[in-house]
């Protein structure tokens, strides 16, 4: 087994996911949650990242090929979803629907998947990387296919759990400002994703 390749893949994948960059968005999304809810939310994000990367590495390219979906189309769609959420964050839209405890838990789970988990953390760059480096020819290859996504998922969980526990140090006004800044940052990331997707679908735009 090539330990140098395994270490390189782990570091590259961690850099592409970069949970530290998404901490402001995590704090903004969980500003009205209790500490226990934020910890659960962090765990859901870690699970989403780990499973998303693992799924992308194992079956991602095959599914896209069967469905006739290009990676560029995924980039544009992911950017569009991220932009819609970013606009809501910048305009600080309040929750207008009362939810039961069960509905709230379900909503938190969905929110951890879109857009924080996918496509912000598990974005086209991370997915394309695991797809391109997840070749299976012998039993040892399972280690570099499975281990990096799992470890990056755990890293994501730890980063957001620590951030969630320290959120009480911020005032409501600071969190409100943070939400708008995070929304602006997410909008910029969304524009980059959409632009990359458009260039992939229409190569003439790159000229």
Protein backbone atom coordinates (compact mmCIF):
# COMPACT_ATOMS: atom_id res chain seq x y z
CA UNK A 1 0.00 0.00 0.00
CA UNK A 2 1.25 3.50 -0.89
CA UNK A 3 1.19 5.41 2.41
CA UNK A 4 2.50 8.57 0.73
CA UNK A 5 -0.47 8.56 -1.65
CA UNK A 6 -2.86 7.86 1.24
CA UNK A 7 -1.47 10.80 3.24
CA UNK A 8 -1.55 13.08 0.20
CA UNK A 9 -5.15 12.13 -0.57
CA UNK A 10 -6.18 12.76 3.04
CA UNK A 11 -4.58 16.22 3.13
CA UNK A 12 -5.92 17.18 -0.30
CA UNK A 13 -9.44 16.07 0.56
CA UNK A 14 -9.35 17.93 3.89
CA UNK A 15 -8.21 21.08 2.06
CA UNK A 16 -10.94 20.76 -0.57
CA UNK A 17 -13.69 20.25 2.03
CA UNK A 18 -12.17 22.87 4.40
CA UNK A 19 -14.69 22.81 7.29
CA UNK A 20 -12.91 25.79 8.88
CA UNK A 21 -14.05 28.02 6.01
CA UNK A 22 -17.68 27.07 6.68
CA UNK A 23 -17.58 27.82 10.44
CA UNK A 24 -19.18 31.31 10.02
CA UNK A 25 -22.04 29.75 8.04
CA UNK A 26 -22.43 27.03 10.65
CA UNK A 27 -22.63 29.62 13.45
CA UNK A 28 -25.18 31.65 11.48
CA UNK A 29 -27.32 28.58 10.72
CA UNK A 30 -27.33 27.45 14.36
CA UNK A 31 -27.73 30.83 16.08
CA UNK A 32 -31.20 29.92 17.44
CA UNK A 33 -30.31 26.36 18.48
CA UNK A 34 -29.43 25.10 21.93
CA UNK A 35 -25.97 23.64 22.60
CA UNK A 36 -27.37 20.10 22.35
CA UNK A 37 -29.02 20.90 19.01
CA UNK A 38 -25.79 22.42 17.68
CA UNK A 39 -23.84 19.31 18.70
CA UNK A 40 -26.40 17.11 16.94
CA UNK A 41 -26.24 19.38 13.89
CA UNK A 42 -22.41 19.10 13.85
CA UNK A 43 -22.67 15.30 14.01
CA UNK A 44 -25.13 15.31 11.10
CA UNK A 45 -22.74 17.46 9.08
CA UNK A 46 -19.82 15.13 9.78
CA UNK A 47 -21.91 12.13 8.75
CA UNK A 48 -23.09 13.93 5.61
CA UNK A 49 -19.51 14.76 4.59
CA UNK A 50 -18.19 11.25 5.27
CA UNK A 51 -21.03 9.44 3.50
CA UNK A 52 -21.12 11.96 0.64
CA UNK A 53 -17.41 11.62 -0.10
CA UNK A 54 -17.48 7.85 0.30
CA UNK A 55 -20.50 7.55 -1.98
CA UNK A 56 -18.88 9.84 -4.53
CA UNK A 57 -15.72 7.76 -4.55
CA UNK A 58 -17.47 4.40 -4.80
CA UNK A 59 -20.43 5.00 -7.11
CA UNK A 60 -20.47 8.69 -8.03
CA UNK A 61 -19.01 8.62 -11.53
CA UNK A 62 -20.99 5.50 -12.47
CA UNK A 63 -24.27 7.12 -11.43
CA UNK A 64 -23.50 10.34 -13.32
CA UNK A 65 -22.58 8.34 -16.41
CA UNK A 66 -25.77 6.26 -16.27
CA UNK A 67 -27.95 9.35 -15.80
CA UNK A 68 -26.09 11.33 -18.45
CA UNK A 69 -25.29 14.11 -15.98
CA UNK A 70 -22.01 15.97 -16.38
CA UNK A 71 -19.86 17.25 -13.52
CA UNK A 72 -20.32 20.76 -14.94
CA UNK A 73 -24.09 20.43 -14.57
CA UNK A 74 -23.58 19.37 -10.94
CA UNK A 75 -21.42 22.43 -10.35
CA UNK A 76 -24.03 24.80 -11.77
CA UNK A 77 -26.91 23.15 -9.88
CA UNK A 78 -24.94 23.18 -6.62
CA UNK A 79 -24.08 26.85 -7.12
CA UNK A 80 -27.73 27.72 -7.75
CA UNK A 81 -28.84 26.01 -4.52
CA UNK A 82 -26.07 27.71 -2.55
CA UNK A 83 -27.04 31.11 -4.01
CA UNK A 84 -30.69 30.76 -2.94
CA UNK A 85 -29.61 30.00 0.63
CA UNK A 86 -27.06 32.84 0.58
CA UNK A 87 -29.74 35.37 -0.43
CA UNK A 88 -31.95 34.21 2.45
CA UNK A 89 -29.02 34.63 4.87
CA UNK A 90 -28.13 38.12 3.62
CA UNK A 91 -31.76 39.28 3.89
CA UNK A 92 -32.03 37.54 7.30
CA UNK A 93 -35.37 35.88 6.59
CA UNK A 94 -37.07 34.73 9.77
CA UNK A 95 -38.75 31.37 10.20
CA UNK A 96 -42.49 31.90 9.62
CA UNK A 97 -43.81 28.38 10.15
CA UNK A 98 -44.22 26.81 13.58
CA UNK A 99 -42.86 23.26 13.67
CA UNK A 100 -43.35 20.35 16.03
CA UNK A 101 -40.32 18.73 17.67
CA UNK A 102 -40.30 15.94 15.09
CA UNK A 103 -40.59 18.37 12.20
CA UNK A 104 -37.83 20.53 13.67
CA UNK A 105 -35.46 17.56 13.91
CA UNK A 106 -36.29 16.63 10.32
CA UNK A 107 -35.65 20.21 9.19
CA UNK A 108 -32.30 20.30 11.00
CA UNK A 109 -31.29 17.08 9.24
CA UNK A 110 -32.26 18.50 5.85
CA UNK A 111 -30.42 21.75 6.59
CA UNK A 112 -27.24 19.86 7.43
CA UNK A 113 -27.35 18.21 4.01
CA UNK A 114 -28.25 21.26 1.88
CA UNK A 115 -26.34 23.52 1.53
CA UNK A 116 -23.76 23.16 4.31
CA UNK A 117 -23.03 19.47 3.75
CA UNK A 118 -23.75 19.38 0.02
CA UNK A 119 -22.72 21.33 -2.06
CA UNK A 120 -20.68 23.67 0.19
CA UNK A 121 -18.45 21.12 1.95
CA UNK A 122 -18.88 18.13 -0.36
CA UNK A 123 -18.72 20.26 -3.47
CA UNK A 124 -17.86 19.46 -7.08
CA UNK A 125 -14.12 19.86 -6.44
CA UNK A 126 -14.08 17.34 -3.57
CA UNK A 127 -16.41 14.96 -5.42
CA UNK A 128 -14.42 15.07 -8.64
CA UNK A 129 -11.21 14.46 -6.67
CA UNK A 130 -12.51 11.35 -4.90
CA UNK A 131 -14.01 10.09 -8.16
CA UNK A 132 -10.68 10.51 -9.97
CA UNK A 133 -8.56 8.88 -7.23
CA UNK A 134 -10.82 5.99 -6.17
CA UNK A 135 -9.56 3.20 -8.43
CA UNK A 136 -9.95 -0.37 -7.15
CA UNK A 137 -7.56 -3.07 -8.34
CA UNK A 138 -6.58 -4.88 -5.13
CA UNK A 139 -7.82 -5.30 -1.56
CA UNK A 140 -5.48 -2.63 -0.14
CA UNK A 141 -7.07 -0.02 -2.41
CA UNK A 142 -10.12 -0.11 -0.14
CA UNK A 143 -8.05 1.66 2.52
CA UNK A 144 -7.39 4.78 0.43
CA UNK A 145 -10.97 4.72 -0.88
CA UNK A 146 -12.63 4.46 2.55
CA UNK A 147 -10.23 5.96 5.12
CA UNK A 148 -9.79 9.57 3.84
CA UNK A 149 -13.55 10.28 3.52
CA UNK A 150 -14.18 8.83 6.99
CA UNK A 151 -11.38 10.86 8.61
CA UNK A 152 -12.46 14.08 6.86
CA UNK A 153 -16.02 13.45 8.07
CA UNK A 154 -14.72 13.09 11.64
CA UNK A 155 -12.64 16.27 11.25
CA UNK A 156 -15.76 18.14 10.09
CA UNK A 157 -17.74 16.86 13.08
CA UNK A 158 -15.03 17.93 15.56
CA UNK A 159 -14.56 21.40 14.01
CA UNK A 160 -18.27 22.21 14.07
CA UNK A 161 -18.86 20.71 17.51
CA UNK A 162 -16.12 22.93 18.97
CA UNK A 163 -17.59 25.92 17.10
CA UNK A 164 -21.08 25.08 18.36
CA UNK A 165 -19.96 24.88 21.98
CA UNK A 166 -18.24 28.27 21.73
CA UNK A 167 -21.16 30.02 20.01
CA UNK A 168 -22.51 31.32 23.34
CA UNK A 169 -19.51 33.67 23.44
CA UNK A 170 -21.10 35.72 20.63
CA UNK A 171 -23.87 38.29 21.22
CA UNK A 172 -27.10 38.27 19.18
CA UNK A 173 -25.97 41.37 17.29
CA UNK A 174 -22.63 39.76 16.46
CA UNK A 175 -24.41 36.64 15.20
CA UNK A 176 -26.73 38.78 13.07
CA UNK A 177 -23.75 40.49 11.44
CA UNK A 178 -22.00 37.14 11.11
CA UNK A 179 -25.03 35.68 9.33
CA UNK A 180 -24.97 38.44 6.71
CA UNK A 181 -21.21 38.18 6.22
CA UNK A 182 -21.50 34.40 5.92
CA UNK A 183 -24.33 34.83 3.41
CA UNK A 184 -22.19 37.19 1.32
CA UNK A 185 -19.29 34.72 1.44
CA UNK A 186 -21.59 31.86 0.45
CA UNK A 187 -22.96 33.95 -2.44
CA UNK A 188 -19.41 34.52 -3.72
CA UNK A 189 -18.69 30.79 -3.52
CA UNK A 190 -21.98 30.09 -5.33
CA UNK A 191 -21.06 32.48 -8.16
CA UNK A 192 -17.72 30.69 -8.59
CA UNK A 193 -19.46 27.31 -8.70
CA UNK A 194 -22.03 28.51 -11.24
CA UNK A 195 -19.35 30.14 -13.41
CA UNK A 196 -17.22 26.99 -13.39
CA UNK A 197 -20.26 24.91 -14.29
CA UNK A 198 -21.21 27.22 -17.16
CA UNK A 199 -17.65 27.14 -18.54
CA UNK A 200 -17.72 23.35 -18.39
CA UNK A 201 -21.05 23.16 -20.25
CA UNK A 202 -20.16 25.93 -22.71
CA UNK A 203 -16.36 25.86 -23.34
CA UNK A 204 -16.58 28.96 -25.56
CA UNK A 205 -17.19 31.02 -22.41
CA UNK A 206 -13.62 30.25 -21.32
CA UNK A 207 -12.21 32.16 -24.29
